[in-house]
N, C-alpha and C. Protein backbone atom coordinates (compact mmCIF):
# COMPACT_ATOMS: atom_id res chain seq x y z
N UNK A 1 22.39 -3.78 -12.61
CA UNK A 1 22.47 -2.53 -11.82
C UNK A 1 21.97 -2.25 -10.18
N UNK A 2 21.11 -1.65 -10.66
CA UNK A 2 19.26 -0.87 -10.11
C UNK A 2 19.02 -2.12 -9.27
N UNK A 3 18.80 -3.42 -10.07
CA UNK A 3 17.52 -4.35 -9.77
C UNK A 3 18.77 -5.54 -8.69
N UNK A 4 19.57 -5.32 -8.99
CA UNK A 4 20.43 -6.67 -8.17
C UNK A 4 20.76 -5.97 -6.99
N UNK A 5 20.65 -4.28 -7.00
CA UNK A 5 20.76 -3.69 -5.46
C UNK A 5 19.77 -4.04 -5.01
N UNK A 6 18.75 -3.77 -5.44
CA UNK A 6 17.15 -4.05 -4.73
C UNK A 6 16.44 -4.72 -4.24
N UNK A 7 17.43 -6.05 -5.41
CA UNK A 7 17.23 -7.52 -4.88
C UNK A 7 18.16 -7.89 -3.61
N UNK A 8 19.65 -6.98 -3.10
CA UNK A 8 19.96 -7.25 -2.72
C UNK A 8 19.72 -6.72 -0.59
N UNK A 9 18.94 -5.52 -0.53
CA UNK A 9 18.16 -5.05 -0.38
C UNK A 9 17.26 -5.62 0.95
N UNK A 10 16.51 -5.84 -0.16
CA UNK A 10 15.22 -6.80 -0.21
C UNK A 10 15.76 -8.36 1.13
N UNK A 11 16.80 -9.47 0.13
CA UNK A 11 17.56 -10.29 0.89
C UNK A 11 18.18 -9.44 2.79
N UNK A 12 17.79 -8.91 3.27
CA UNK A 12 18.92 -8.28 3.89
C UNK A 12 17.79 -7.85 4.51
N UNK A 13 16.47 -7.20 4.21
CA UNK A 13 15.67 -6.48 5.10
C UNK A 13 15.36 -5.07 4.67
N UNK A 14 14.55 -4.76 5.85
CA UNK A 14 14.67 -2.56 5.81
C UNK A 14 16.26 -1.94 7.06
N UNK A 15 15.88 -1.17 6.26
CA UNK A 15 16.96 -0.80 6.79
C UNK A 15 16.07 0.73 7.86
N UNK A 16 17.38 0.79 8.68
CA UNK A 16 16.43 1.87 9.66
C UNK A 16 17.88 3.47 9.66
N UNK A 17 17.48 4.22 9.92
CA UNK A 17 18.34 5.93 10.91
C UNK A 17 18.02 6.47 11.97
N UNK A 18 18.26 6.37 12.53
CA UNK A 18 18.94 7.80 13.33
C UNK A 18 19.08 8.89 13.35
N UNK A 19 18.92 9.90 13.10
CA UNK A 19 19.58 11.18 12.92
C UNK A 19 19.83 12.16 13.66
N UNK A 20 19.95 12.54 14.26
CA UNK A 20 20.16 12.62 16.15
C UNK A 20 21.43 13.98 16.43
N UNK A 21 20.56 15.61 16.61
CA UNK A 21 21.46 17.16 16.18
C UNK A 21 20.68 17.16 17.43
N UNK A 22 22.43 18.41 17.87
CA UNK A 22 22.34 18.45 19.66
C UNK A 22 22.65 19.45 19.46
N UNK A 23 21.73 20.69 20.37
CA UNK A 23 23.29 21.37 20.57
C UNK A 23 23.25 22.51 19.31
N UNK A 24 24.34 23.26 18.77
CA UNK A 24 24.13 24.12 17.03
C UNK A 24 24.12 23.33 15.90
N UNK A 25 24.70 21.68 16.23
CA UNK A 25 24.22 20.70 14.61
C UNK A 25 22.99 20.03 14.24
N UNK A 26 22.10 20.68 14.60
CA UNK A 26 20.61 20.76 14.58
C UNK A 26 20.04 20.08 12.93
N UNK A 27 20.89 21.37 12.26
CA UNK A 27 20.58 21.22 11.12
C UNK A 27 22.18 20.05 10.60
N UNK A 28 22.60 19.36 10.94
CA UNK A 28 23.16 18.24 10.66
C UNK A 28 23.07 16.81 10.37
N UNK A 29 21.19 17.11 11.56
CA UNK A 29 21.59 16.04 11.48
C UNK A 29 19.65 15.30 9.85
N UNK A 30 19.22 17.14 9.89
CA UNK A 30 18.75 17.12 8.67
C UNK A 30 19.16 16.59 7.31
N UNK A 31 20.22 17.79 7.36
CA UNK A 31 21.51 16.67 6.07
C UNK A 31 21.00 15.39 5.87
N UNK A 32 22.07 15.30 6.37
CA UNK A 32 22.56 13.79 6.91
C UNK A 32 20.73 12.28 6.87
N UNK A 33 19.83 13.44 7.77
CA UNK A 33 19.31 12.43 6.87
C UNK A 33 18.53 12.01 5.42
N UNK A 34 18.93 13.73 4.35
CA UNK A 34 18.11 14.06 3.07
C UNK A 34 19.40 12.39 2.29
N UNK A 35 20.70 12.07 2.63
CA UNK A 35 22.03 11.23 2.90
C UNK A 35 20.62 10.08 2.12
N UNK A 36 20.36 9.90 3.58
CA UNK A 36 20.19 8.88 4.14
C UNK A 36 19.50 8.71 2.85
N UNK A 37 18.23 9.29 2.98
CA UNK A 37 16.97 9.88 2.07
C UNK A 37 17.08 9.01 0.37
N UNK A 38 17.70 10.23 -0.01
CA UNK A 38 19.12 10.43 -1.36
C UNK A 38 19.11 9.47 -2.15
N UNK A 39 20.12 9.87 -1.33
CA UNK A 39 21.78 8.73 -1.82
C UNK A 39 22.04 7.90 -2.00
N UNK A 40 20.42 6.60 -0.64
CA UNK A 40 21.45 5.46 -0.11
C UNK A 40 20.03 4.53 -0.32
N UNK A 41 19.27 5.43 -0.55
CA UNK A 41 17.81 5.28 -1.06
C UNK A 41 16.48 4.22 0.00
N UNK A 42 17.42 5.19 1.58
CA UNK A 42 16.14 4.74 2.64
C UNK A 42 14.94 5.15 2.21
N UNK A 43 13.96 4.31 3.34
CA UNK A 43 12.37 4.41 2.92
C UNK A 43 12.36 5.55 3.86
N UNK A 44 11.52 6.70 3.60
CA UNK A 44 11.52 7.83 3.93
C UNK A 44 10.78 7.79 5.21
N UNK A 45 9.89 6.57 5.80
CA UNK A 45 9.43 5.78 6.80
C UNK A 45 10.14 5.39 7.74
N UNK A 46 11.20 5.04 7.87
CA UNK A 46 12.68 4.59 8.34
C UNK A 46 13.55 5.61 8.70
N UNK A 47 13.65 6.91 7.99
CA UNK A 47 15.11 6.96 8.64
C UNK A 47 13.98 8.39 9.85
N UNK A 48 14.54 8.37 10.89
CA UNK A 48 13.72 9.43 12.12
C UNK A 48 14.72 10.78 12.55
N UNK A 49 14.94 11.66 12.44
CA UNK A 49 15.21 13.05 12.68
C UNK A 49 14.59 13.62 13.89
N UNK A 50 16.00 13.94 15.29
CA UNK A 50 15.33 13.87 16.26
C UNK A 50 16.83 15.22 16.60
N UNK A 51 16.42 16.72 16.56
CA UNK A 51 16.78 17.70 16.38
C UNK A 51 16.47 19.16 16.70
N UNK A 52 15.08 18.94 17.33
CA UNK A 52 13.66 20.07 17.81
C UNK A 52 14.61 21.11 18.64
N UNK A 53 14.74 22.34 19.26
CA UNK A 53 15.37 22.57 19.93
C UNK A 53 16.52 22.26 20.17
N UNK A 54 16.93 22.33 22.02
CA UNK A 54 18.45 22.02 21.17
C UNK A 54 19.41 20.12 22.11
N UNK A 55 18.40 19.41 21.14
CA UNK A 55 18.19 18.23 20.57
C UNK A 55 17.33 17.93 21.59
N UNK A 56 17.06 16.32 21.34
CA UNK A 56 15.92 14.72 21.98
C UNK A 56 16.80 14.78 23.38
N UNK A 57 15.92 14.66 23.77
CA UNK A 57 15.61 14.20 25.76
C UNK A 57 16.26 12.58 25.14
N UNK A 58 17.02 11.76 26.36
CA UNK A 58 16.97 10.12 26.17
C UNK A 58 15.76 10.19 26.11
N UNK A 59 14.92 9.86 26.44
CA UNK A 59 13.80 9.34 26.47
C UNK A 59 12.86 9.00 25.54
N UNK A 60 13.97 10.14 24.33
CA UNK A 60 12.57 11.14 22.98
C UNK A 60 13.83 10.22 22.11
N UNK A 61 15.33 9.81 22.96
CA UNK A 61 15.80 8.52 22.14
C UNK A 61 14.99 7.28 21.84
N UNK A 62 14.87 6.92 22.63
CA UNK A 62 15.07 5.60 22.62
C UNK A 62 13.34 4.97 22.54
N UNK A 63 12.06 6.59 22.44
CA UNK A 63 11.17 6.36 21.67
C UNK A 63 11.09 5.74 20.76
N UNK A 64 12.11 6.74 19.95
CA UNK A 64 12.40 6.19 18.36
C UNK A 64 12.58 4.56 18.14
N UNK A 65 13.14 4.15 18.90
CA UNK A 65 13.36 2.44 19.11
C UNK A 65 12.65 1.70 19.52
N UNK A 66 12.23 2.20 20.39
CA UNK A 66 10.43 0.88 20.79
C UNK A 66 9.46 0.89 19.93
N UNK A 67 9.51 2.05 19.44
CA UNK A 67 8.15 2.83 18.53
C UNK A 67 8.12 2.69 17.29
C-alpha cells in the first residue's frame, strides 16, 4: 500500500504547503505544518511556516510563492 501511494504521488508531482499564523493563532501554523510533514508525508523542504510576531506581511507571503 505504501508503494502505491508513493507511486501515485510521484506521478502527481511535488506538493507544497504554506501555513500562515496570524495574531493569536501563530501556534496553529506550527501544528498544521507538523501534520503536513508527519501525517501527509510532505517533504519538510516543501512546508513553509509564516508565523513570526503577529503574522506575516503580504510581501512575506508573496515571497514564499515566488521563491
